[in-house]
């Protein structure tokens, strides 16, 4: 009997050891997926070595982000970054960086946030020919909005006939008649009752032949025709999100990729369609749309909810959000005076003028009263914000 017990104990110890080894192996694999050692480089210009060093670090960060996403770490965020080596080679500055990622903290989003999608103009108009799909400018932001809607945390509105930039080369600075101003962002958000404004620029969509065509005759003409099917194309898309109440830029990310082969994007192909995704260029753009949507969803899952006061009747406050935004009777919101807050844009939130308790909820509107006695009279255009961070 004691012999059997001894064998049983030995087996348990061996199993525990194997389990511990498996756990250690699994933990090591998880850690390796959260780490990346990458290099970055930048040309030293007249701005000096320090600026080139920072540009090289930014390049390394971009490379680390791409590597970690490819290894299946999309749900992780950069928590630590360390330059482990750096050197200068001629007029180029190099850095080697260790990036360590930590699991993202999950955020509970009790309310759906309204985001309005505006057009993504192309910075170099000659990079998209008239024979190619003209849906990129409106289709890319439209599909980002659609994916955010599918997550259940956003209400996306399509305003892709409107662009915030009459000078795409100056983006993310919004320009009106050539003058930098955030009034365009605020106007779009106010008209659409949106908390967030999505915008962007197609920075690069350059087509380059993989072979230089020389000579004349049938062979040269054949090579010239084949350049449309065997070529290289670079893709660079900047994505921005602005706060609709202050005009502040709260998200900025550049997504880049390239294609070699058939780089054509035929006219009539709609972004988001199966035909569009079946092309090499369309598939790359679809991947960028997916990455941008996921990044925006992660960031703004922790963002406080806000909505505008639409009207006030006999001290009864109506806000431009309702059941579709997941608002319920009994919910409480801090109320902010738009004039008071406008005078301190960029300084953070001012003191609220009161707290509103929701008493009635409709599909797209809700109503309630200020708690206690407040000397401030709430007006249309004021806004409410969730009492606690989600």
Protein backbone atom coordinates (compact mmCIF):
# COMPACT_ATOMS: atom_id res chain seq x y z
CA UNK A 1 0.00 0.00 0.00
CA UNK A 2 2.78 2.42 0.93
CA UNK A 3 4.57 1.38 -2.30
CA UNK A 4 1.50 2.37 -4.35
CA UNK A 5 1.21 5.65 -2.49
CA UNK A 6 4.88 6.33 -3.15
CA UNK A 7 4.39 5.69 -6.88
CA UNK A 8 1.32 7.93 -6.90
CA UNK A 9 3.25 10.73 -5.22
CA UNK A 10 6.12 10.35 -7.65
CA UNK A 11 3.74 10.51 -10.61
CA UNK A 12 2.09 13.65 -9.21
CA UNK A 13 5.49 15.32 -8.78
CA UNK A 14 6.47 14.39 -12.35
CA UNK A 15 3.17 15.69 -13.73
CA UNK A 16 3.57 18.91 -11.78
CA UNK A 17 7.08 19.31 -13.09
CA UNK A 18 5.91 18.72 -16.67
CA UNK A 19 3.07 21.14 -16.15
CA UNK A 20 5.49 23.69 -14.74
CA UNK A 21 7.77 23.19 -17.73
CA UNK A 22 4.84 23.64 -20.12
CA UNK A 23 3.71 26.71 -18.24
CA UNK A 24 7.23 28.15 -18.35
CA UNK A 25 7.47 27.39 -22.05
CA UNK A 26 4.06 28.99 -22.67
CA UNK A 27 5.04 32.01 -20.59
CA UNK A 28 8.32 32.35 -22.47
CA UNK A 29 6.47 32.23 -25.81
CA UNK A 30 4.04 34.89 -24.59
CA UNK A 31 6.88 37.13 -23.46
CA UNK A 32 8.70 36.69 -26.79
CA UNK A 33 5.55 37.83 -28.60
CA UNK A 34 5.55 40.99 -26.49
CA UNK A 35 9.15 41.93 -27.28
CA UNK A 36 10.86 43.27 -30.35
CA UNK A 37 14.45 44.36 -30.95
CA UNK A 38 14.55 46.53 -34.03
CA UNK A 39 16.68 49.17 -35.69
CA UNK A 40 15.79 52.60 -37.00
CA UNK A 41 17.73 55.12 -39.03
CA UNK A 42 17.48 58.68 -40.26
CA UNK A 43 19.55 60.99 -42.42
CA UNK A 44 21.38 63.75 -40.57
CA UNK A 45 20.22 67.05 -42.06
CA UNK A 46 20.98 70.69 -41.33
CA UNK A 47 18.63 70.33 -38.32
CA UNK A 48 21.42 68.48 -36.52
CA UNK A 49 22.26 65.13 -34.97
CA UNK A 50 19.71 65.34 -32.14
CA UNK A 51 16.81 65.67 -34.53
CA UNK A 52 18.17 62.82 -36.66
CA UNK A 53 18.42 60.68 -33.49
CA UNK A 54 14.77 61.34 -32.64
CA UNK A 55 13.76 60.58 -36.22
CA UNK A 56 15.70 57.30 -36.04
CA UNK A 57 13.92 56.39 -32.79
CA UNK A 58 10.54 57.15 -34.43
CA UNK A 59 11.53 54.89 -37.33
CA UNK A 60 12.43 52.11 -34.87
CA UNK A 61 9.10 52.52 -33.06
CA UNK A 62 7.24 52.13 -36.35
CA UNK A 63 9.26 49.00 -37.20
CA UNK A 64 8.62 47.52 -33.74
CA UNK A 65 4.90 48.18 -34.00
CA UNK A 66 4.74 46.48 -37.39
CA UNK A 67 6.75 43.46 -36.20
CA UNK A 68 4.65 42.96 -33.07
CA UNK A 69 1.39 43.23 -34.99
CA UNK A 70 2.58 40.61 -37.47
CA UNK A 71 3.37 38.26 -34.56
CA UNK A 72 -0.24 38.45 -33.40
CA UNK A 73 0.17 41.09 -30.69
CA UNK A 74 -2.52 43.46 -31.96
CA UNK A 75 -4.11 43.55 -28.51
CA UNK A 76 -0.95 44.86 -26.87
CA UNK A 77 0.25 48.41 -26.34
CA UNK A 78 3.79 49.78 -25.99
CA UNK A 79 4.61 50.14 -22.33
CA UNK A 80 8.40 50.40 -22.37
CA UNK A 81 10.96 51.51 -24.89
CA UNK A 82 14.75 51.49 -24.44
CA UNK A 83 17.55 52.52 -26.81
CA UNK A 84 20.18 49.81 -26.34
CA UNK A 85 22.65 50.98 -28.99
CA UNK A 86 23.18 53.95 -31.29
CA UNK A 87 25.81 54.95 -33.82
CA UNK A 88 26.55 57.29 -36.70
CA UNK A 89 27.58 56.00 -40.13
CA UNK A 90 28.43 58.80 -42.50
CA UNK A 91 25.44 61.11 -42.71
CA UNK A 92 23.04 58.51 -41.27
CA UNK A 93 22.18 58.03 -37.59
CA UNK A 94 21.23 54.52 -36.42
CA UNK A 95 19.58 53.26 -33.23
CA UNK A 96 18.76 49.82 -31.88
CA UNK A 97 15.66 49.72 -29.70
CA UNK A 98 14.11 47.15 -27.37
CA UNK A 99 10.32 47.48 -27.22
CA UNK A 100 8.47 45.59 -24.48
CA UNK A 101 4.69 45.36 -24.65
CA UNK A 102 2.20 44.85 -21.84
CA UNK A 103 -1.37 43.58 -22.10
CA UNK A 104 -3.85 46.36 -22.72
CA UNK A 105 -6.18 47.17 -19.87
CA UNK A 106 -9.73 46.28 -20.84
CA UNK A 107 -12.12 49.21 -20.83
CA UNK A 108 -15.83 48.88 -20.35
CA UNK A 109 -17.69 51.17 -22.76
CA UNK A 110 -21.19 51.76 -21.38
CA UNK A 111 -22.08 54.26 -24.14
CA UNK A 112 -21.70 54.36 -27.91
CA UNK A 113 -19.72 57.37 -29.12
CA UNK A 114 -20.72 59.26 -32.26
CA UNK A 115 -17.97 59.69 -34.84
CA UNK A 116 -18.37 61.47 -38.18
CA UNK A 117 -16.16 60.35 -41.09
CA UNK A 118 -14.84 62.98 -43.51
CA UNK A 119 -12.97 62.49 -46.80
CA UNK A 120 -9.33 61.39 -47.12
CA UNK A 121 -7.94 63.60 -49.91
CA UNK A 122 -4.88 62.45 -51.83
CA UNK A 123 -1.84 64.68 -51.40
CA UNK A 124 -0.56 64.08 -54.94
CA UNK A 125 -3.57 63.97 -57.25
CA UNK A 126 -1.54 62.58 -60.17
CA UNK A 127 -0.85 59.37 -58.22
CA UNK A 128 -4.46 58.19 -58.76
CA UNK A 129 -5.29 58.14 -62.46
CA UNK A 130 -8.73 58.70 -63.92
CA UNK A 131 -8.88 55.04 -64.99
CA UNK A 132 -8.56 53.88 -61.37
CA UNK A 133 -11.14 53.65 -58.59
CA UNK A 134 -12.24 57.08 -57.40
CA UNK A 135 -13.78 55.60 -54.25
CA UNK A 136 -10.58 55.77 -52.18
CA UNK A 137 -11.19 59.30 -50.89
CA UNK A 138 -14.61 58.53 -49.46
CA UNK A 139 -14.42 54.74 -49.27
CA UNK A 140 -11.50 54.45 -46.83
CA UNK A 141 -13.09 56.62 -44.07
CA UNK A 142 -16.50 55.11 -44.81
CA UNK A 143 -15.18 51.59 -44.21
CA UNK A 144 -13.33 52.61 -41.04
CA UNK A 145 -16.65 54.01 -39.80
CA UNK A 146 -18.46 50.80 -40.77
CA UNK A 147 -15.99 48.66 -38.85
CA UNK A 148 -16.30 50.90 -35.79
CA UNK A 149 -20.09 50.54 -36.02
CA UNK A 150 -19.74 46.74 -36.16
CA UNK A 151 -17.80 46.79 -32.88
CA UNK A 152 -20.94 48.05 -31.12
CA UNK A 153 -19.08 50.90 -29.39
CA UNK A 154 -19.62 53.63 -31.99
CA UNK A 155 -22.27 55.35 -34.08
CA UNK A 156 -20.60 56.37 -37.34
CA UNK A 157 -21.94 59.07 -39.63
CA UNK A 158 -20.80 59.45 -43.22
CA UNK A 159 -19.76 62.92 -44.36
CA UNK A 160 -17.16 61.78 -46.87
CA UNK A 161 -18.18 64.40 -49.43
CA UNK A 162 -16.54 66.93 -47.10
CA UNK A 163 -12.81 67.35 -46.52
CA UNK A 164 -11.22 69.24 -43.63
CA UNK A 165 -8.17 70.03 -45.71
CA UNK A 166 -7.97 72.33 -48.71
CA UNK A 167 -4.20 71.87 -48.25
CA UNK A 168 -3.65 68.13 -47.59
CA UNK A 169 0.09 68.72 -47.33
CA UNK A 170 -0.52 70.73 -44.12
CA UNK A 171 -2.63 68.02 -42.45
CA UNK A 172 -3.35 67.36 -39.61
CA UNK A 173 -3.75 71.14 -39.42
CA UNK A 174 -7.25 71.86 -40.70
CA UNK A 175 -7.27 74.77 -43.15
CA UNK A 176 -10.03 77.13 -44.23
CA UNK A 177 -9.22 79.26 -47.28
CA UNK A 178 -5.55 78.52 -46.71
CA UNK A 179 -5.66 79.60 -43.05
CA UNK A 180 -5.04 77.10 -40.23
CA UNK A 181 -8.11 76.86 -37.99
CA UNK A 182 -9.97 74.26 -35.94
CA UNK A 183 -13.32 75.87 -36.81
CA UNK A 184 -13.87 73.35 -39.62
CA UNK A 185 -13.60 70.46 -37.14
CA UNK A 186 -15.92 72.15 -34.63
CA UNK A 187 -18.45 73.03 -37.35
CA UNK A 188 -18.61 69.46 -38.68
CA UNK A 189 -18.98 68.03 -35.17
CA UNK A 190 -21.69 70.54 -34.23
CA UNK A 191 -23.75 69.97 -37.38
CA UNK A 192 -23.55 66.19 -37.01
CA UNK A 193 -23.93 66.12 -33.19
CA UNK A 194 -20.72 64.07 -33.15
CA UNK A 195 -18.26 63.63 -30.32
CA UNK A 196 -15.37 62.64 -32.61
CA UNK A 197 -14.35 63.61 -36.14
CA UNK A 198 -12.44 61.15 -38.35
CA UNK A 199 -10.19 62.57 -41.08
CA UNK A 200 -7.09 61.58 -42.99
CA UNK A 201 -4.84 62.03 -45.99
CA UNK A 202 -3.60 59.59 -48.63
CA UNK A 203 0.05 60.63 -48.41
CA UNK A 204 1.47 58.18 -50.89
CA UNK A 205 0.05 56.01 -53.64
CA UNK A 206 2.99 56.22 -56.01
CA UNK A 207 3.33 53.77 -58.89
CA UNK A 208 6.86 52.85 -59.93
CA UNK A 209 7.87 50.58 -62.78
CA UNK A 210 10.13 47.68 -61.80
CA UNK A 211 11.89 47.89 -65.15
CA UNK A 212 13.20 50.83 -67.16
CA UNK A 213 11.90 50.66 -70.75
CA UNK A 214 14.54 51.34 -73.37
CA UNK A 215 14.48 51.43 -77.14
CA UNK A 216 11.57 51.30 -79.52
CA UNK A 217 9.56 48.80 -81.46
CA UNK A 218 7.23 45.99 -80.48
CA UNK A 219 9.34 44.74 -77.54
CA UNK A 220 9.55 48.19 -75.95
CA UNK A 221 5.79 48.69 -76.36
CA UNK A 222 5.15 45.30 -74.78
CA UNK A 223 7.38 46.17 -71.80
CA UNK A 224 5.64 49.51 -71.42
CA UNK A 225 2.23 47.81 -71.35
CA UNK A 226 3.44 45.25 -68.80
CA UNK A 227 4.46 48.00 -66.38
CA UNK A 228 0.77 48.33 -65.44
CA UNK A 229 0.77 44.70 -64.31
CA UNK A 230 4.29 44.14 -62.99
CA UNK A 231 5.21 47.19 -60.98
CA UNK A 232 5.80 48.52 -57.48
CA UNK A 233 3.38 50.72 -55.60
CA UNK A 234 3.86 52.34 -52.20
CA UNK A 235 0.94 53.12 -49.90
CA UNK A 236 0.94 55.69 -47.11
CA UNK A 237 -2.25 56.73 -45.32
CA UNK A 238 -2.45 59.15 -42.37
CA UNK A 239 -5.44 58.72 -40.07
CA UNK A 240 -6.55 61.41 -37.61
CA UNK A 241 -9.30 61.69 -35.00
CA UNK A 242 -10.28 65.05 -33.48
CA UNK A 243 -12.30 65.83 -30.37
CA UNK A 244 -15.51 67.43 -31.61
CA UNK A 245 -15.93 69.75 -28.61
CA UNK A 246 -12.46 71.30 -28.58
CA UNK A 247 -11.03 70.59 -32.02
CA UNK A 248 -8.02 68.93 -30.38
CA UNK A 249 -6.18 66.21 -32.32
CA UNK A 250 -6.49 63.10 -30.13
CA UNK A 251 -5.32 60.36 -32.53
CA UNK A 252 -2.67 60.41 -35.26
CA UNK A 253 -1.18 57.38 -36.99
CA UNK A 254 0.54 56.72 -40.31
CA UNK A 255 0.02 53.33 -41.98
CA UNK A 256 2.41 52.29 -44.76
CA UNK A 257 2.84 49.29 -47.02
CA UNK A 258 3.89 48.43 -50.57
CA UNK A 259 2.92 46.04 -53.35
CA UNK A 260 4.88 44.39 -56.15
CA UNK A 261 3.07 42.81 -59.07
CA UNK A 262 -0.37 43.73 -60.34
CA UNK A 263 -0.88 47.12 -58.72
CA UNK A 264 -3.89 48.23 -60.77
CA UNK A 265 -7.07 49.34 -59.00
CA UNK A 266 -9.74 49.39 -61.73
CA UNK A 267 -12.36 52.12 -62.00
CA UNK A 268 -15.69 51.21 -60.44
CA UNK A 269 -14.22 49.01 -57.71
CA UNK A 270 -15.76 50.09 -54.38
CA UNK A 271 -13.77 50.05 -51.14
CA UNK A 272 -15.07 47.26 -48.93
CA UNK A 273 -16.35 45.13 -51.81
CA UNK A 274 -15.14 41.63 -52.61
CA UNK A 275 -13.87 42.80 -56.01
CA UNK A 276 -11.85 45.57 -54.38
CA UNK A 277 -10.30 43.20 -51.83
CA UNK A 278 -9.42 40.69 -54.57
CA UNK A 279 -6.86 43.11 -56.03
CA UNK A 280 -3.38 43.39 -54.53
CA UNK A 281 -3.69 47.14 -53.90
CA UNK A 282 -7.23 46.80 -52.57
CA UNK A 283 -6.24 44.01 -50.20
CA UNK A 284 -3.40 46.09 -48.73
CA UNK A 285 -5.74 49.04 -48.24
CA UNK A 286 -8.30 46.77 -46.58
CA UNK A 287 -5.61 45.61 -44.14
CA UNK A 288 -4.76 49.24 -43.31
CA UNK A 289 -8.46 49.97 -42.75
CA UNK A 290 -8.65 47.02 -40.34
CA UNK A 291 -5.57 48.17 -38.39
CA UNK A 292 -6.77 51.78 -38.15
CA UNK A 293 -10.23 50.69 -37.01
CA UNK A 294 -8.77 48.45 -34.31
CA UNK A 295 -6.39 51.16 -33.08
CA UNK A 296 -9.19 53.73 -32.85
CA UNK A 297 -11.50 51.27 -31.09
CA UNK A 298 -8.85 50.44 -28.49
CA UNK A 299 -7.96 54.05 -27.75
CA UNK A 300 -11.46 55.45 -27.49
CA UNK A 301 -12.82 52.51 -25.52
CA UNK A 302 -11.30 54.35 -22.52
CA UNK A 303 -12.49 57.78 -23.66
CA UNK A 304 -15.33 59.52 -21.75
CA UNK A 305 -18.68 59.81 -23.49
CA UNK A 306 -19.98 63.29 -24.37
CA UNK A 307 -23.09 64.70 -26.06
CA UNK A 308 -24.59 68.12 -26.79
CA UNK A 309 -27.56 69.80 -25.14
CA UNK A 310 -30.09 70.20 -27.96
CA UNK A 311 -32.76 72.24 -26.17
CA UNK A 312 -33.98 73.33 -22.74
CA UNK A 313 -37.66 73.70 -21.81
CA UNK A 314 -38.77 74.72 -18.29
CA UNK A 315 -35.48 73.52 -16.79
CA UNK A 316 -35.90 70.21 -18.61
CA UNK A 317 -32.66 69.41 -20.45
CA UNK A 318 -32.71 67.51 -23.75
CA UNK A 319 -29.50 65.97 -25.09
CA UNK A 320 -28.72 64.68 -28.59
CA UNK A 321 -28.22 61.07 -27.48
CA UNK A 322 -30.62 58.33 -26.51
CA UNK A 323 -31.26 54.60 -26.52
CA UNK A 324 -29.10 54.10 -29.61
CA UNK A 325 -26.21 55.52 -27.57
CA UNK A 326 -27.02 53.03 -24.74
CA UNK A 327 -28.33 55.76 -22.41
CA UNK A 328 -30.76 54.56 -19.72
CA UNK A 329 -33.12 56.19 -17.24
CA UNK A 330 -31.18 57.03 -14.09
CA UNK A 331 -27.87 57.69 -15.85
CA UNK A 332 -26.02 60.79 -14.61
CA UNK A 333 -23.91 63.23 -16.63
CA UNK A 334 -21.84 66.27 -15.73
CA UNK A 335 -23.02 69.41 -17.52
CA UNK A 336 -20.50 71.89 -18.97
CA UNK A 337 -21.12 75.41 -20.23
CA UNK A 338 -19.86 75.71 -23.79
CA UNK A 339 -18.75 79.36 -23.35
CA UNK A 340 -16.80 78.61 -20.18
CA UNK A 341 -15.06 75.63 -21.74
CA UNK A 342 -14.33 77.37 -25.05
CA UNK A 343 -12.16 79.91 -23.24
CA UNK A 344 -9.83 77.16 -22.02
CA UNK A 345 -9.40 74.90 -25.02
CA UNK A 346 -6.37 72.67 -24.50
CA UNK A 347 -6.37 73.27 -20.72
CA UNK A 348 -8.51 70.23 -19.85
CA UNK A 349 -11.99 70.12 -18.39
CA UNK A 350 -13.33 73.09 -16.43
CA UNK A 351 -15.56 72.72 -13.41
CA UNK A 352 -19.02 71.38 -14.35
CA UNK A 353 -22.05 73.61 -13.77
CA UNK A 354 -24.10 70.72 -12.45
CA UNK A 355 -25.06 67.07 -12.75
CA UNK A 356 -27.98 65.92 -14.89
CA UNK A 357 -30.05 62.82 -14.10
CA UNK A 358 -31.81 61.19 -17.06
CA UNK A 359 -35.56 60.70 -16.54
CA UNK A 360 -36.73 59.93 -20.10
CA UNK A 361 -35.06 58.16 -23.01
CA UNK A 362 -36.06 58.10 -26.67
CA UNK A 363 -34.33 56.43 -29.64
CA UNK A 364 -31.96 59.35 -30.36
CA UNK A 365 -32.77 61.84 -27.56
CA UNK A 366 -32.86 61.83 -23.77
CA UNK A 367 -34.09 64.31 -21.18
CA UNK A 368 -33.59 65.04 -17.50
CA UNK A 369 -33.06 67.70 -14.83
CA UNK A 370 -30.13 69.19 -12.96
CA UNK A 371 -29.67 67.74 -9.52
CA UNK A 372 -30.08 70.14 -6.58
CA UNK A 373 -30.12 73.88 -7.11
CA UNK A 374 -27.82 75.43 -9.69
CA UNK A 375 -27.42 79.14 -10.38
CA UNK A 376 -26.42 78.40 -13.98
CA UNK A 377 -29.13 78.17 -16.62
CA UNK A 378 -28.27 75.42 -19.10
CA UNK A 379 -28.51 76.50 -22.76
CA UNK A 380 -28.58 74.68 -26.12
CA UNK A 381 -25.03 74.10 -27.27
CA UNK A 382 -23.80 73.21 -23.77
CA UNK A 383 -22.69 69.65 -23.38
CA UNK A 384 -22.71 66.68 -21.01
CA UNK A 385 -20.01 64.18 -20.20
CA UNK A 386 -20.10 60.79 -18.48
CA UNK A 387 -19.59 61.12 -14.73
CA UNK A 388 -16.98 58.38 -14.54
CA UNK A 389 -14.41 57.15 -17.00
CA UNK A 390 -15.66 53.94 -18.67
